[in-house]
Amino acid sequence: MSESFSANLRSLCAEYGSISQICRDMGLNRQQFNRYLNGTSMPSAHNLRRIARHFDLTEEQLFAPADAFESTLRRTQPQTDETPSEAFLAPFRGQYKNLSRYLGYYHSYFCTPSWEGRIFCALIRIAEKDGLITVSSRENATSRDKSLRQISRYEGLATMRGNRIFVTEHECTREGSIAQTTLYSAHRQQLKYLRGMTMGVAWRPYPHPYATKTIWKRLDERVSARHALSACGIYSEQSTKIDPTVRKYLATP
């Protein structure tokens, strides 16, 4: 019976992704949970109930033989005729629990071929709307001689898988580009910086795709959106106006 339980638990974890995130969601110790997975220990009645509730199964189903368990999983999976748009949005639904602590304003810093040798700073807002975690980006940059000005606006959605945040955005113009950003926090309790990579299309001189490191710095709640937007633009890579942590991350190969 214990062998069936550990095998079924491993099967569930393979479907759900990060074991660390599963443990955090259930409030269970990771080392103890590993013993459940390898069959060297069985959960208490209290922990067994928490595991069953998390996976939306009965306690008896967790101990079923492998064949019966797999059959149960297939029956419990929603059978719907999803439209393509519904299927696309599915990973972005029900994410408030995972991403609520990330809501707020950020400055996003990255390097782009459009402004070679410079650091670009944009304003980001993560919010909740109609059960979805939305991401809004505002870019506002002007060249030194005032001959070039870039004003862009992006809207998108965010989801979390494991301990990674995935952001998909579209530029709010008729032929606007699509941008994809993957972020992570260096430490679970550290929310000031989110580091990662962005894939997008250069604004100029040619609309070529590119990938670059990016780092989002969380803004104090007392900072107004207008003040935060005024700080956006292009900076030299050595500018003292840029947070040293940001400069170091972007300069690291």
Protein backbone atom coordinates (compact mmCIF):
# COMPACT_ATOMS: atom_id res chain seq x y z
CA MET A 1 0.00 0.00 0.00
CA SER A 2 2.83 2.42 0.87
CA GLU A 3 4.50 1.63 -2.48
CA SER A 4 1.32 2.56 -4.33
CA PHE A 5 1.04 5.78 -2.34
CA SER A 6 4.61 6.92 -3.08
CA ALA A 7 4.31 5.98 -6.78
CA ASN A 8 1.01 7.85 -7.07
CA LEU A 9 2.47 10.86 -5.30
CA ARG A 10 5.43 10.93 -7.70
CA SER A 11 3.03 10.75 -10.62
CA LEU A 12 1.06 13.72 -9.28
CA CYS A 13 4.19 15.78 -8.73
CA ALA A 14 5.36 15.06 -12.27
CA GLU A 15 2.12 16.60 -13.53
CA TYR A 16 2.15 19.63 -11.22
CA GLY A 17 5.83 20.67 -11.65
CA SER A 18 8.00 22.11 -8.86
CA ILE A 19 8.02 19.97 -5.72
CA SER A 20 9.23 22.94 -3.70
CA GLN A 21 6.21 24.96 -4.80
CA ILE A 22 3.88 22.05 -4.01
CA CYS A 23 5.32 21.84 -0.49
CA ARG A 24 4.95 25.59 0.00
CA ASP A 25 1.34 25.50 -1.18
CA MET A 26 0.53 22.67 1.25
CA GLY A 27 2.69 24.01 4.08
CA LEU A 28 4.70 20.78 4.33
CA ASN A 29 8.38 20.33 5.04
CA ARG A 30 10.29 19.50 1.83
CA GLN A 31 12.56 16.90 3.46
CA GLN A 32 9.60 15.14 5.03
CA PHE A 33 7.73 15.24 1.72
CA ASN A 34 10.75 13.65 0.00
CA ARG A 35 10.42 10.70 2.37
CA TYR A 36 6.80 10.32 1.27
CA LEU A 37 7.96 10.33 -2.35
CA ASN A 38 10.62 7.64 -1.88
CA GLY A 39 8.42 5.50 0.33
CA THR A 40 10.56 5.59 3.48
CA SER A 41 7.87 7.36 5.49
CA MET A 42 4.10 7.73 5.50
CA PRO A 43 2.23 10.97 6.26
CA SER A 44 0.22 11.43 9.40
CA ALA A 45 -3.56 11.49 9.09
CA HIS A 46 -3.46 15.29 9.17
CA ASN A 47 -0.81 15.58 6.44
CA LEU A 48 -2.52 12.92 4.33
CA ARG A 49 -5.68 14.98 4.38
CA ARG A 50 -3.76 18.09 3.30
CA ILE A 51 -2.16 16.21 0.40
CA ALA A 52 -5.50 14.81 -0.75
CA ARG A 53 -7.17 18.22 -0.60
CA HIS A 54 -4.32 19.87 -2.49
CA PHE A 55 -4.62 17.44 -5.40
CA ASP A 56 -8.43 17.36 -5.19
CA LEU A 57 -8.50 13.59 -4.55
CA THR A 58 -9.81 11.36 -1.79
CA GLU A 59 -7.39 9.74 0.65
CA GLU A 60 -8.43 6.31 -0.64
CA GLN A 61 -7.58 7.27 -4.23
CA LEU A 62 -4.01 8.12 -3.21
CA PHE A 63 -3.47 4.48 -2.21
CA ALA A 64 -5.03 2.90 -5.32
CA PRO A 65 -2.94 0.56 -7.53
CA ALA A 66 -1.08 2.34 -10.33
CA ASP A 67 -3.46 1.33 -13.14
CA ALA A 68 -6.55 2.30 -11.18
CA PHE A 69 -4.92 5.56 -10.08
CA GLU A 70 -4.02 6.59 -13.64
CA SER A 71 -7.57 5.78 -14.71
CA THR A 72 -8.89 7.98 -11.89
CA LEU A 73 -6.70 10.87 -13.00
CA ARG A 74 -7.97 10.64 -16.56
CA ARG A 75 -11.57 10.69 -15.34
CA THR A 76 -11.00 13.67 -13.03
CA GLN A 77 -9.39 15.80 -15.74
CA PRO A 78 -11.87 18.30 -17.17
CA GLN A 79 -13.35 17.18 -20.47
CA THR A 80 -14.25 20.37 -22.28
CA ASP A 81 -14.26 21.53 -25.87
CA GLU A 82 -12.02 24.51 -25.32
CA THR A 83 -11.64 27.17 -27.94
CA PRO A 84 -8.03 28.09 -28.84
CA SER A 85 -8.31 31.32 -26.84
CA GLU A 86 -9.62 29.48 -23.77
CA ALA A 87 -6.82 26.93 -24.02
CA PHE A 88 -4.25 29.74 -24.26
CA LEU A 89 -5.64 31.55 -21.22
CA ALA A 90 -5.90 28.42 -19.06
CA PRO A 91 -2.33 28.68 -17.60
CA PHE A 92 -3.00 32.31 -16.64
CA ARG A 93 -6.16 31.63 -14.64
CA GLY A 94 -6.18 31.03 -10.87
CA GLN A 95 -2.79 32.67 -10.35
CA TYR A 96 -3.69 35.18 -7.64
CA LYS A 97 -2.50 32.89 -4.86
CA ASN A 98 0.90 32.45 -6.53
CA LEU A 99 1.46 36.04 -7.62
CA SER A 100 -0.43 38.26 -5.16
CA ARG A 101 2.77 39.18 -3.31
CA TYR A 102 4.30 40.46 -6.56
CA LEU A 103 1.56 43.01 -7.27
CA GLY A 104 2.79 46.57 -7.58
CA TYR A 105 5.05 48.83 -9.64
CA TYR A 106 8.55 48.02 -10.90
CA HIS A 107 11.27 49.61 -12.96
CA SER A 108 12.43 47.18 -15.62
CA TYR A 109 16.06 47.51 -16.76
CA PHE A 110 17.53 45.87 -19.86
CA CYS A 111 19.85 46.47 -22.80
CA THR A 112 18.45 46.60 -26.33
CA PRO A 113 19.96 46.93 -29.83
CA SER A 114 17.72 49.98 -30.30
CA TRP A 115 19.92 51.90 -27.84
CA GLU A 116 23.25 50.16 -28.15
CA GLY A 117 25.60 50.58 -25.20
CA ARG A 118 22.86 52.00 -22.98
CA ILE A 119 20.54 50.72 -20.25
CA PHE A 120 16.83 51.11 -20.93
CA CYS A 121 14.45 51.70 -18.03
CA ALA A 122 10.70 51.05 -18.39
CA LEU A 123 7.79 51.19 -15.94
CA ILE A 124 5.95 47.96 -15.13
CA ARG A 125 2.73 47.44 -13.21
CA ILE A 126 1.55 44.01 -12.04
CA ALA A 127 -2.12 43.98 -11.03
CA GLU A 128 -5.14 41.70 -10.74
CA LYS A 129 -8.18 42.05 -12.98
CA ASP A 130 -11.09 39.65 -13.44
CA GLY A 131 -9.14 36.78 -11.92
CA LEU A 132 -6.08 37.30 -14.13
CA ILE A 133 -2.69 38.78 -13.24
CA THR A 134 -2.12 41.59 -15.71
CA VAL A 135 1.15 43.26 -16.67
CA SER A 136 1.32 46.76 -18.14
CA SER A 137 4.56 48.24 -19.49
CA ARG A 138 5.34 51.83 -20.42
CA GLU A 139 8.49 52.83 -22.31
CA ASN A 140 9.52 56.45 -22.77
CA ALA A 141 12.99 57.36 -24.04
CA THR A 142 14.51 60.33 -25.88
CA SER A 143 17.95 60.59 -27.46
CA ARG A 144 20.38 63.24 -26.23
CA ASP A 145 19.90 65.44 -29.29
CA LYS A 146 16.10 65.05 -29.05
CA SER A 147 16.00 63.67 -32.59
CA LEU A 148 14.62 60.28 -31.54
CA ARG A 149 11.86 59.48 -29.11
CA GLN A 150 10.49 56.05 -28.27
CA ILE A 151 7.08 55.77 -26.64
CA SER A 152 5.67 52.26 -26.36
CA ARG A 153 2.91 50.61 -24.37
CA TYR A 154 2.51 46.89 -23.74
CA GLU A 155 -0.25 44.87 -22.11
CA GLY A 156 -0.01 41.25 -21.07
CA LEU A 157 -0.55 38.47 -18.57
CA ALA A 158 1.61 36.67 -16.03
CA THR A 159 1.63 33.15 -14.66
CA MET A 160 3.90 31.17 -12.35
CA ARG A 161 5.26 27.70 -13.00
CA GLY A 162 7.53 26.29 -10.32
CA ASN A 163 9.46 29.30 -9.05
CA ARG A 164 9.53 31.09 -12.42
CA ILE A 165 7.25 33.92 -13.51
CA PHE A 166 6.30 33.94 -17.20
CA VAL A 167 5.08 37.18 -18.75
CA THR A 168 3.61 37.43 -22.26
CA GLU A 169 2.92 40.93 -23.58
CA HIS A 170 1.76 42.53 -26.83
CA GLU A 171 2.54 46.03 -28.00
CA CYS A 172 -0.58 48.19 -28.15
CA THR A 173 -0.31 49.15 -31.81
CA ARG A 174 -1.87 47.58 -34.88
CA GLU A 175 1.29 45.76 -35.96
CA GLY A 176 2.85 45.65 -32.50
CA SER A 177 5.33 42.99 -31.46
CA ILE A 178 5.03 40.24 -28.87
CA ALA A 179 7.46 40.08 -25.93
CA GLN A 180 8.15 37.16 -23.59
CA THR A 181 9.87 37.56 -20.21
CA THR A 182 10.90 34.87 -17.74
CA LEU A 183 11.72 36.02 -14.20
CA TYR A 184 12.75 34.57 -10.86
CA SER A 185 13.45 35.86 -7.39
CA ALA A 186 16.89 35.00 -6.01
CA HIS A 187 15.31 34.20 -2.63
CA ARG A 188 11.69 33.45 -1.80
CA GLN A 189 11.50 36.20 0.82
CA GLN A 190 13.33 38.74 -1.36
CA LEU A 191 10.90 40.59 -3.60
CA LYS A 192 12.89 43.74 -4.35
CA TYR A 193 14.56 42.33 -7.48
CA LEU A 194 13.26 39.93 -10.12
CA ARG A 195 15.94 38.71 -12.52
CA GLY A 196 15.55 36.98 -15.84
CA MET A 197 15.50 37.20 -19.63
CA THR A 198 13.35 39.05 -22.17
CA MET A 199 12.81 38.15 -25.82
CA GLY A 200 11.45 40.86 -28.07
CA VAL A 201 11.90 42.83 -31.27
CA ALA A 202 14.19 45.85 -31.60
CA TRP A 203 12.50 49.21 -32.10
CA ARG A 204 15.21 50.48 -34.46
CA PRO A 205 17.13 50.60 -36.73
CA TYR A 206 15.64 47.31 -37.95
CA PRO A 207 12.92 45.22 -36.26
CA HIS A 208 15.13 42.23 -35.56
CA PRO A 209 14.36 39.82 -32.70
CA TYR A 210 16.75 39.74 -29.77
CA ALA A 211 17.12 38.30 -26.27
CA THR A 212 18.57 40.17 -23.29
CA LYS A 213 18.99 39.93 -19.56
CA THR A 214 16.47 41.95 -17.59
CA ILE A 215 16.01 42.88 -13.96
CA TRP A 216 12.88 44.35 -12.38
CA LYS A 217 13.28 46.50 -9.28
CA ARG A 218 10.21 46.85 -7.08
CA LEU A 219 9.20 50.44 -6.31
CA ASP A 220 8.16 51.74 -2.94
CA GLU A 221 4.38 51.98 -2.57
CA ARG A 222 4.74 55.68 -1.76
CA VAL A 223 6.21 56.45 -5.20
CA SER A 224 3.57 57.89 -7.53
CA ALA A 225 3.11 56.48 -11.03
CA ARG A 226 3.93 59.89 -12.52
CA HIS A 227 7.21 60.11 -10.62
CA ALA A 228 8.08 56.52 -11.53
CA LEU A 229 7.39 57.19 -15.22
CA SER A 230 9.57 60.31 -15.17
CA ALA A 231 12.55 58.14 -14.19
CA CYS A 232 12.15 55.97 -17.30
CA GLY A 233 14.46 56.43 -20.25
CA ILE A 234 17.98 55.53 -21.37
CA TYR A 235 21.07 55.66 -19.16
CA SER A 236 24.76 55.05 -19.65
CA GLU A 237 25.98 51.67 -18.43
CA GLN A 238 28.01 53.45 -15.72
CA SER A 239 25.31 55.88 -14.63
CA THR A 240 25.20 56.40 -10.86
CA LYS A 241 21.46 56.96 -11.21
CA ILE A 242 21.12 53.21 -11.80
CA ASP A 243 21.03 50.92 -8.75
CA PRO A 244 24.47 49.20 -8.40
CA THR A 245 22.72 45.80 -8.14
CA VAL A 246 21.05 46.47 -11.49
CA ARG A 247 24.29 47.59 -13.17
CA LYS A 248 26.18 44.57 -11.85
CA TYR A 249 23.55 42.10 -13.03
CA LEU A 250 23.33 43.54 -16.53
CA ALA A 251 27.13 43.77 -16.84
CA THR A 252 27.71 40.14 -15.82
CA PRO A 253 28.22 37.90 -18.90
